[in-house]
Amino acid sequence: MKRSAKPMRRTAMSHGLTGVLSSSSFQRSKKPKKRIKTRHRPLTKIRASACDQECTLRFPGVCNYRTDTTVLCHSNLLEDGKGYGIKAPDEKGAYGCCRCHDVLDGRAKRPVGMSYEVMIDLFYNGVARTNAILRRLGLMEAI
C-alpha cells in the first residue's frame, strides 16, 4: 500500500464532536448538562432511631439478630398508605434486620412453611413492638 502525503481526515464520531462540518472546522454542540433529580426524603427521626436497635420482625429461620443492619421496614400494603411511588408512613413500619427486610420486600424468598399471611401477622406484631419503642423514646405520641 502506497503512503499518501496527505494524512487521513478524522471524523466527528472519533472525537465525540457533533455539529455541522463548516470549512474544515468542527463545532462542538454546547448542550446544558441536566441535573439528575432525586426524590429521596431526608432521614426522619423515626428512621434514624432504627440504628443499633434489635429486629422486631424476627422471622423464624430468616432473622440474623444483628443490630448493625437494622432499618425501618415500611409496610407494603395499600391499606397502610403504600402506593405507586409512595411509601407508607413511618408509623406503619417495624425495625428489621437486612434479611427480614429482604423477605418482607420480596427480594428474598420466604422460608418453606411460612405463608404470606403468617409473614404479614409477624410484620404487624413487629409494628406494635416498634411503636412501643418509639413511644418510650418520645418519637411517637401515646394513643
N, C-alpha and C. Protein backbone atom coordinates (compact mmCIF):
# COMPACT_ATOMS: atom_id res chain seq x y z
N MET A 1 0.84 -1.16 0.00
CA MET A 1 0.00 0.00 0.00
C MET A 1 0.89 1.24 0.00
N LYS A 2 0.57 2.15 -0.87
CA LYS A 2 1.37 3.34 -1.03
C LYS A 2 0.98 4.38 0.01
N ARG A 3 1.96 4.99 0.61
CA ARG A 3 1.71 6.03 1.60
C ARG A 3 1.27 7.31 0.92
N SER A 4 0.30 7.91 1.52
CA SER A 4 -0.20 9.16 0.98
C SER A 4 0.51 10.32 1.67
N ALA A 5 0.70 11.39 0.96
CA ALA A 5 1.32 12.57 1.53
C ALA A 5 0.35 13.31 2.44
N LYS A 6 -0.91 13.10 2.22
CA LYS A 6 -1.95 13.79 2.97
C LYS A 6 -2.48 12.85 4.06
N PRO A 7 -2.47 13.28 5.33
CA PRO A 7 -2.99 12.39 6.38
C PRO A 7 -4.50 12.18 6.25
N MET A 8 -4.97 11.12 6.86
CA MET A 8 -6.40 10.83 6.80
C MET A 8 -7.17 11.83 7.65
N ARG A 9 -8.38 12.13 7.22
CA ARG A 9 -9.22 13.05 7.97
C ARG A 9 -9.90 12.31 9.10
N ARG A 10 -10.03 12.98 10.19
CA ARG A 10 -10.75 12.40 11.32
C ARG A 10 -12.19 12.83 11.24
N THR A 11 -13.05 11.93 11.64
CA THR A 11 -14.48 12.24 11.58
C THR A 11 -14.96 12.76 12.91
N ALA A 12 -16.15 13.29 12.92
CA ALA A 12 -16.73 13.82 14.15
C ALA A 12 -16.98 12.71 15.15
N MET A 13 -17.24 11.52 14.69
CA MET A 13 -17.53 10.41 15.59
C MET A 13 -16.33 10.03 16.43
N SER A 14 -15.15 10.10 15.88
CA SER A 14 -13.98 9.67 16.63
C SER A 14 -13.59 10.65 17.73
N HIS A 15 -14.03 11.90 17.64
CA HIS A 15 -13.72 12.89 18.66
C HIS A 15 -14.89 13.17 19.59
N GLY A 16 -16.02 12.56 19.33
CA GLY A 16 -17.20 12.87 20.14
C GLY A 16 -17.77 14.23 19.79
N LEU A 17 -17.44 14.71 18.62
CA LEU A 17 -17.92 16.01 18.19
C LEU A 17 -19.21 15.85 17.42
N THR A 18 -20.07 16.79 17.59
CA THR A 18 -21.29 16.80 16.81
C THR A 18 -21.42 18.17 16.18
N GLY A 19 -22.23 18.27 15.22
CA GLY A 19 -22.42 19.57 14.58
C GLY A 19 -22.18 19.46 13.09
N VAL A 20 -22.14 20.56 12.47
CA VAL A 20 -22.01 20.63 11.02
C VAL A 20 -20.56 20.91 10.67
N LEU A 21 -20.09 20.26 9.65
CA LEU A 21 -18.75 20.50 9.17
C LEU A 21 -18.76 21.77 8.34
N SER A 22 -18.05 22.78 8.81
CA SER A 22 -18.03 24.03 8.06
C SER A 22 -16.59 24.41 7.77
N SER A 23 -16.25 24.33 6.54
CA SER A 23 -14.92 24.68 6.03
C SER A 23 -13.80 24.09 6.89
N SER A 24 -13.79 22.80 6.97
CA SER A 24 -12.76 22.00 7.65
C SER A 24 -12.58 22.32 9.12
N SER A 25 -13.58 22.84 9.79
CA SER A 25 -13.51 23.01 11.26
C SER A 25 -14.78 22.43 11.87
N PHE A 26 -14.60 21.79 12.98
CA PHE A 26 -15.73 21.17 13.66
C PHE A 26 -16.27 22.10 14.72
N GLN A 27 -17.55 22.05 14.97
CA GLN A 27 -18.17 22.82 16.03
C GLN A 27 -18.70 21.86 17.07
N ARG A 28 -18.38 22.12 18.29
CA ARG A 28 -18.91 21.29 19.37
C ARG A 28 -20.29 21.82 19.74
N SER A 29 -21.21 20.89 19.95
CA SER A 29 -22.53 21.34 20.39
C SER A 29 -22.47 21.58 21.89
N LYS A 30 -23.00 22.67 22.32
CA LYS A 30 -22.96 23.02 23.74
C LYS A 30 -24.36 22.86 24.31
N LYS A 31 -24.62 21.66 24.77
CA LYS A 31 -25.90 21.40 25.42
C LYS A 31 -25.72 21.55 26.91
N PRO A 32 -26.65 22.18 27.57
CA PRO A 32 -26.52 22.28 29.03
C PRO A 32 -26.69 20.91 29.67
N LYS A 33 -25.88 20.64 30.67
CA LYS A 33 -25.97 19.36 31.36
C LYS A 33 -27.19 19.36 32.26
N LYS A 34 -27.91 18.27 32.22
CA LYS A 34 -29.11 18.14 33.06
C LYS A 34 -28.72 17.54 34.40
N ARG A 35 -29.29 18.08 35.43
CA ARG A 35 -29.07 17.52 36.76
C ARG A 35 -30.01 16.35 36.95
N ILE A 36 -29.50 15.35 37.61
CA ILE A 36 -30.32 14.19 37.93
C ILE A 36 -31.16 14.55 39.15
N LYS A 37 -32.45 14.40 38.99
CA LYS A 37 -33.34 14.73 40.09
C LYS A 37 -33.50 13.50 40.98
N THR A 38 -33.34 13.70 42.26
CA THR A 38 -33.56 12.62 43.21
C THR A 38 -34.74 12.99 44.09
N ARG A 39 -35.47 12.00 44.47
CA ARG A 39 -36.64 12.23 45.31
C ARG A 39 -36.48 11.61 46.68
N HIS A 40 -35.25 11.47 47.12
CA HIS A 40 -35.02 10.88 48.43
C HIS A 40 -35.42 11.87 49.50
N ARG A 41 -36.24 11.39 50.39
CA ARG A 41 -36.62 12.23 51.52
C ARG A 41 -35.49 12.26 52.53
N PRO A 42 -35.38 13.36 53.26
CA PRO A 42 -34.35 13.37 54.30
C PRO A 42 -34.69 12.35 55.39
N LEU A 43 -33.68 11.90 56.08
CA LEU A 43 -33.84 10.90 57.12
C LEU A 43 -34.65 11.48 58.27
N THR A 44 -35.77 10.84 58.59
CA THR A 44 -36.60 11.32 59.69
C THR A 44 -36.06 10.79 61.01
N LYS A 45 -36.56 11.34 62.10
CA LYS A 45 -36.10 10.90 63.43
C LYS A 45 -36.49 9.45 63.68
N ILE A 46 -37.65 9.05 63.18
CA ILE A 46 -38.10 7.67 63.39
C ILE A 46 -37.20 6.71 62.61
N ARG A 47 -36.86 7.05 61.37
CA ARG A 47 -35.96 6.19 60.58
C ARG A 47 -34.58 6.14 61.20
N ALA A 48 -34.11 7.28 61.67
CA ALA A 48 -32.78 7.33 62.29
C ALA A 48 -32.73 6.55 63.59
N SER A 49 -33.89 6.42 64.27
CA SER A 49 -33.91 5.71 65.54
C SER A 49 -33.68 4.20 65.37
N ALA A 50 -33.78 3.70 64.15
CA ALA A 50 -33.60 2.26 63.91
C ALA A 50 -32.15 1.83 64.06
N CYS A 51 -31.24 2.76 64.03
CA CYS A 51 -29.82 2.43 64.13
C CYS A 51 -29.52 1.74 65.47
N ASP A 52 -28.91 0.58 65.40
CA ASP A 52 -28.49 -0.22 66.57
C ASP A 52 -29.66 -0.71 67.43
N GLN A 53 -30.84 -0.83 66.84
CA GLN A 53 -31.98 -1.43 67.54
C GLN A 53 -32.07 -2.91 67.19
N GLU A 54 -32.76 -3.67 68.02
CA GLU A 54 -32.97 -5.08 67.72
C GLU A 54 -34.07 -5.23 66.68
N CYS A 55 -34.00 -6.29 65.90
CA CYS A 55 -35.02 -6.58 64.90
C CYS A 55 -36.31 -6.95 65.62
N THR A 56 -37.40 -6.28 65.27
CA THR A 56 -38.69 -6.61 65.87
C THR A 56 -39.51 -7.52 64.97
N LEU A 57 -39.07 -7.78 63.76
CA LEU A 57 -39.79 -8.69 62.86
C LEU A 57 -39.54 -10.14 63.26
N ARG A 58 -38.29 -10.49 63.43
CA ARG A 58 -37.88 -11.82 63.91
C ARG A 58 -38.54 -12.97 63.14
N PHE A 59 -38.42 -12.94 61.81
CA PHE A 59 -38.96 -14.02 61.01
C PHE A 59 -38.17 -15.30 61.32
N PRO A 60 -38.86 -16.40 61.70
CA PRO A 60 -38.14 -17.63 62.06
C PRO A 60 -37.41 -18.23 60.85
N GLY A 61 -36.17 -18.59 61.08
CA GLY A 61 -35.35 -19.16 60.02
C GLY A 61 -34.74 -18.13 59.08
N VAL A 62 -35.02 -16.85 59.32
CA VAL A 62 -34.51 -15.79 58.45
C VAL A 62 -33.66 -14.81 59.22
N CYS A 63 -34.13 -14.38 60.38
CA CYS A 63 -33.51 -13.28 61.13
C CYS A 63 -32.08 -13.60 61.51
N ASN A 64 -31.20 -12.59 61.36
CA ASN A 64 -29.80 -12.79 61.75
C ASN A 64 -29.49 -12.10 63.09
N TYR A 65 -30.46 -11.42 63.68
CA TYR A 65 -30.37 -10.78 65.00
C TYR A 65 -29.20 -9.80 65.11
N ARG A 66 -28.77 -9.25 63.99
CA ARG A 66 -27.68 -8.27 64.01
C ARG A 66 -28.26 -6.86 64.15
N THR A 67 -27.73 -6.09 65.06
CA THR A 67 -28.25 -4.74 65.27
C THR A 67 -27.60 -3.72 64.33
N ASP A 68 -26.49 -4.08 63.71
CA ASP A 68 -25.83 -3.11 62.82
C ASP A 68 -26.49 -3.01 61.45
N THR A 69 -27.41 -3.92 61.12
CA THR A 69 -28.09 -3.88 59.83
C THR A 69 -29.55 -3.48 59.96
N THR A 70 -29.97 -3.03 61.12
CA THR A 70 -31.38 -2.73 61.36
C THR A 70 -31.79 -1.42 60.70
N VAL A 71 -32.92 -1.48 59.99
CA VAL A 71 -33.52 -0.30 59.36
C VAL A 71 -35.02 -0.32 59.65
N LEU A 72 -35.69 0.78 59.31
CA LEU A 72 -37.14 0.83 59.46
C LEU A 72 -37.77 0.25 58.19
N CYS A 73 -38.50 -0.86 58.34
CA CYS A 73 -39.14 -1.53 57.21
C CYS A 73 -40.58 -1.02 57.10
N HIS A 74 -40.89 -0.35 56.01
CA HIS A 74 -42.23 0.20 55.82
C HIS A 74 -43.18 -0.88 55.30
N SER A 75 -44.46 -0.68 55.56
CA SER A 75 -45.48 -1.61 55.10
C SER A 75 -45.61 -1.52 53.58
N ASN A 76 -45.93 -2.64 52.95
CA ASN A 76 -46.13 -2.69 51.51
C ASN A 76 -47.60 -2.85 51.14
N LEU A 77 -48.49 -2.58 52.07
CA LEU A 77 -49.92 -2.79 51.84
C LEU A 77 -50.62 -1.47 51.54
N LEU A 78 -51.58 -1.52 50.62
CA LEU A 78 -52.32 -0.33 50.24
C LEU A 78 -53.10 0.26 51.42
N GLU A 79 -53.62 -0.60 52.27
CA GLU A 79 -54.42 -0.13 53.41
C GLU A 79 -53.60 0.66 54.43
N ASP A 80 -52.27 0.51 54.36
CA ASP A 80 -51.39 1.25 55.27
C ASP A 80 -50.88 2.54 54.64
N GLY A 81 -51.30 2.85 53.43
CA GLY A 81 -50.89 4.10 52.80
C GLY A 81 -49.85 3.94 51.72
N LYS A 82 -49.47 2.71 51.39
CA LYS A 82 -48.49 2.47 50.33
C LYS A 82 -49.18 2.66 48.99
N GLY A 83 -48.47 3.24 48.05
CA GLY A 83 -48.99 3.42 46.70
C GLY A 83 -47.85 3.41 45.72
N TYR A 84 -48.17 3.61 44.44
CA TYR A 84 -47.14 3.63 43.41
C TYR A 84 -46.26 4.87 43.61
N GLY A 85 -45.02 4.64 43.97
CA GLY A 85 -44.09 5.74 44.21
C GLY A 85 -44.29 6.43 45.55
N ILE A 86 -45.13 5.86 46.40
CA ILE A 86 -45.42 6.46 47.71
C ILE A 86 -45.11 5.44 48.79
N LYS A 87 -44.34 5.84 49.78
CA LYS A 87 -44.02 4.98 50.91
C LYS A 87 -45.10 5.12 51.97
N ALA A 88 -45.33 4.06 52.69
CA ALA A 88 -46.25 4.12 53.83
C ALA A 88 -45.62 5.02 54.90
N PRO A 89 -46.43 5.62 55.77
CA PRO A 89 -45.86 6.48 56.81
C PRO A 89 -44.96 5.69 57.76
N ASP A 90 -44.06 6.42 58.41
CA ASP A 90 -43.11 5.78 59.32
C ASP A 90 -43.80 5.08 60.48
N GLU A 91 -44.97 5.52 60.85
CA GLU A 91 -45.71 4.89 61.96
C GLU A 91 -46.17 3.48 61.60
N LYS A 92 -46.21 3.17 60.31
CA LYS A 92 -46.62 1.84 59.85
C LYS A 92 -45.40 0.99 59.49
N GLY A 93 -44.30 1.20 60.20
CA GLY A 93 -43.08 0.46 59.93
C GLY A 93 -42.60 -0.27 61.16
N ALA A 94 -41.69 -1.21 60.93
CA ALA A 94 -41.12 -2.00 62.02
C ALA A 94 -39.62 -2.05 61.85
N TYR A 95 -38.90 -2.16 62.96
CA TYR A 95 -37.45 -2.34 62.89
C TYR A 95 -37.18 -3.74 62.38
N GLY A 96 -36.29 -3.84 61.39
CA GLY A 96 -35.98 -5.15 60.84
C GLY A 96 -34.53 -5.23 60.40
N CYS A 97 -33.94 -6.41 60.58
CA CYS A 97 -32.57 -6.63 60.11
C CYS A 97 -32.60 -6.74 58.58
N CYS A 98 -31.45 -6.77 57.96
CA CYS A 98 -31.39 -6.77 56.50
C CYS A 98 -32.05 -8.02 55.90
N ARG A 99 -31.92 -9.16 56.55
CA ARG A 99 -32.50 -10.39 55.99
C ARG A 99 -34.01 -10.41 56.10
N CYS A 100 -34.55 -9.98 57.24
CA CYS A 100 -36.01 -9.91 57.39
C CYS A 100 -36.60 -8.87 56.43
N HIS A 101 -35.88 -7.76 56.24
CA HIS A 101 -36.33 -6.71 55.33
C HIS A 101 -36.39 -7.23 53.89
N ASP A 102 -35.40 -8.03 53.49
CA ASP A 102 -35.39 -8.61 52.15
C ASP A 102 -36.57 -9.54 51.93
N VAL A 103 -36.90 -10.35 52.92
CA VAL A 103 -38.04 -11.27 52.80
C VAL A 103 -39.34 -10.47 52.75
N LEU A 104 -39.46 -9.46 53.59
CA LEU A 104 -40.68 -8.65 53.62
C LEU A 104 -40.91 -7.94 52.29
N ASP A 105 -39.86 -7.40 51.68
CA ASP A 105 -39.99 -6.67 50.42
C ASP A 105 -39.98 -7.57 49.19
N GLY A 106 -39.76 -8.87 49.37
CA GLY A 106 -39.80 -9.80 48.25
C GLY A 106 -38.50 -9.94 47.50
N ARG A 107 -37.41 -9.41 48.03
CA ARG A 107 -36.11 -9.57 47.38
C ARG A 107 -35.51 -10.94 47.67
N ALA A 108 -35.98 -11.58 48.74
CA ALA A 108 -35.55 -12.94 49.09
C ALA A 108 -36.80 -13.80 49.29
N LYS A 109 -36.64 -15.08 49.09
CA LYS A 109 -37.78 -16.00 49.23
C LYS A 109 -38.13 -16.20 50.69
N ARG A 110 -39.42 -16.39 50.93
CA ARG A 110 -39.86 -16.76 52.28
C ARG A 110 -39.42 -18.19 52.56
N PRO A 111 -39.10 -18.49 53.82
CA PRO A 111 -38.70 -19.87 54.12
C PRO A 111 -39.88 -20.82 53.91
N VAL A 112 -39.54 -22.06 53.70
CA VAL A 112 -40.57 -23.09 53.47
C VAL A 112 -41.45 -23.18 54.70
N GLY A 113 -42.74 -23.17 54.49
CA GLY A 113 -43.69 -23.27 55.60
C GLY A 113 -44.20 -21.92 56.08
N MET A 114 -43.62 -20.82 55.64
CA MET A 114 -44.11 -19.51 56.05
C MET A 114 -44.99 -18.96 54.93
N SER A 115 -46.27 -18.86 55.20
CA SER A 115 -47.19 -18.33 54.20
C SER A 115 -47.16 -16.80 54.24
N TYR A 116 -47.77 -16.19 53.25
CA TYR A 116 -47.84 -14.73 53.18
C TYR A 116 -48.60 -14.18 54.38
N GLU A 117 -49.68 -14.85 54.77
CA GLU A 117 -50.50 -14.39 55.90
C GLU A 117 -49.70 -14.42 57.20
N VAL A 118 -48.90 -15.48 57.40
CA VAL A 118 -48.06 -15.57 58.60
C VAL A 118 -47.04 -14.44 58.60
N MET A 119 -46.46 -14.16 57.44
CA MET A 119 -45.48 -13.09 57.35
C MET A 119 -46.11 -11.73 57.69
N ILE A 120 -47.31 -11.47 57.20
CA ILE A 120 -48.00 -10.21 57.49
C ILE A 120 -48.35 -10.12 58.97
N ASP A 121 -48.79 -11.23 59.59
CA ASP A 121 -49.07 -11.23 61.03
C ASP A 121 -47.82 -10.92 61.84
N LEU A 122 -46.69 -11.54 61.46
CA LEU A 122 -45.43 -11.24 62.15
C LEU A 122 -45.01 -9.79 61.94
N PHE A 123 -45.30 -9.25 60.75
CA PHE A 123 -44.97 -7.85 60.48
C PHE A 123 -45.77 -6.93 61.40
N TYR A 124 -47.08 -7.18 61.52
CA TYR A 124 -47.91 -6.32 62.37
C TYR A 124 -47.53 -6.45 63.85
N ASN A 125 -47.09 -7.64 64.28
CA ASN A 125 -46.57 -7.78 65.65
C ASN A 125 -45.31 -6.94 65.81
N GLY A 126 -44.45 -6.95 64.79
CA GLY A 126 -43.25 -6.12 64.82
C GLY A 126 -43.56 -4.64 64.83
N VAL A 127 -44.61 -4.23 64.11
CA VAL A 127 -45.03 -2.82 64.11
C VAL A 127 -45.49 -2.42 65.51
N ALA A 128 -46.23 -3.30 66.18
CA ALA A 128 -46.70 -2.99 67.54
C ALA A 128 -45.51 -2.86 68.50
N ARG A 129 -44.53 -3.77 68.40
CA ARG A 129 -43.34 -3.67 69.26
C ARG A 129 -42.54 -2.41 68.95
N THR A 130 -42.41 -2.06 67.66
CA THR A 130 -41.68 -0.87 67.26
C THR A 130 -42.37 0.39 67.75
N ASN A 131 -43.70 0.44 67.63
CA ASN A 131 -44.45 1.60 68.11
C ASN A 131 -44.30 1.78 69.62
N ALA A 132 -44.22 0.68 70.36
CA ALA A 132 -44.00 0.78 71.81
C ALA A 132 -42.62 1.38 72.10
N ILE A 133 -41.62 0.97 71.33
CA ILE A 133 -40.27 1.52 71.50
C ILE A 133 -40.27 3.00 71.14
N LEU A 134 -40.95 3.37 70.06
CA LEU A 134 -40.99 4.77 69.63
C LEU A 134 -41.69 5.66 70.66
N ARG A 135 -42.75 5.14 71.30
CA ARG A 135 -43.43 5.91 72.35
C ARG A 135 -42.50 6.08 73.56
N ARG A 136 -41.76 5.03 73.89
CA ARG A 136 -40.82 5.11 75.01
C ARG A 136 -39.71 6.14 74.73
N LEU A 137 -39.28 6.22 73.46
CA LEU A 137 -38.24 7.18 73.07
C LEU A 137 -38.78 8.61 72.91
N GLY A 138 -40.11 8.75 72.92
CA GLY A 138 -40.73 10.06 72.77
C GLY A 138 -40.84 10.51 71.32
N LEU A 139 -40.71 9.59 70.38
CA LEU A 139 -40.81 9.94 68.97
C LEU A 139 -42.22 9.76 68.42
N MET A 140 -43.10 9.19 69.23
CA MET A 140 -44.47 8.95 68.80
C MET A 140 -45.39 9.23 69.99
N GLU A 141 -46.53 9.83 69.69
CA GLU A 141 -47.47 10.16 70.77
C GLU A 141 -48.19 8.90 71.24
N ALA A 142 -48.47 8.87 72.52
CA ALA A 142 -49.23 7.75 73.09
C ALA A 142 -50.68 7.87 72.66
N ILE A 143 -51.27 6.73 72.38
CA ILE A 143 -52.67 6.75 71.91
C ILE A 143 -53.62 6.70 73.07
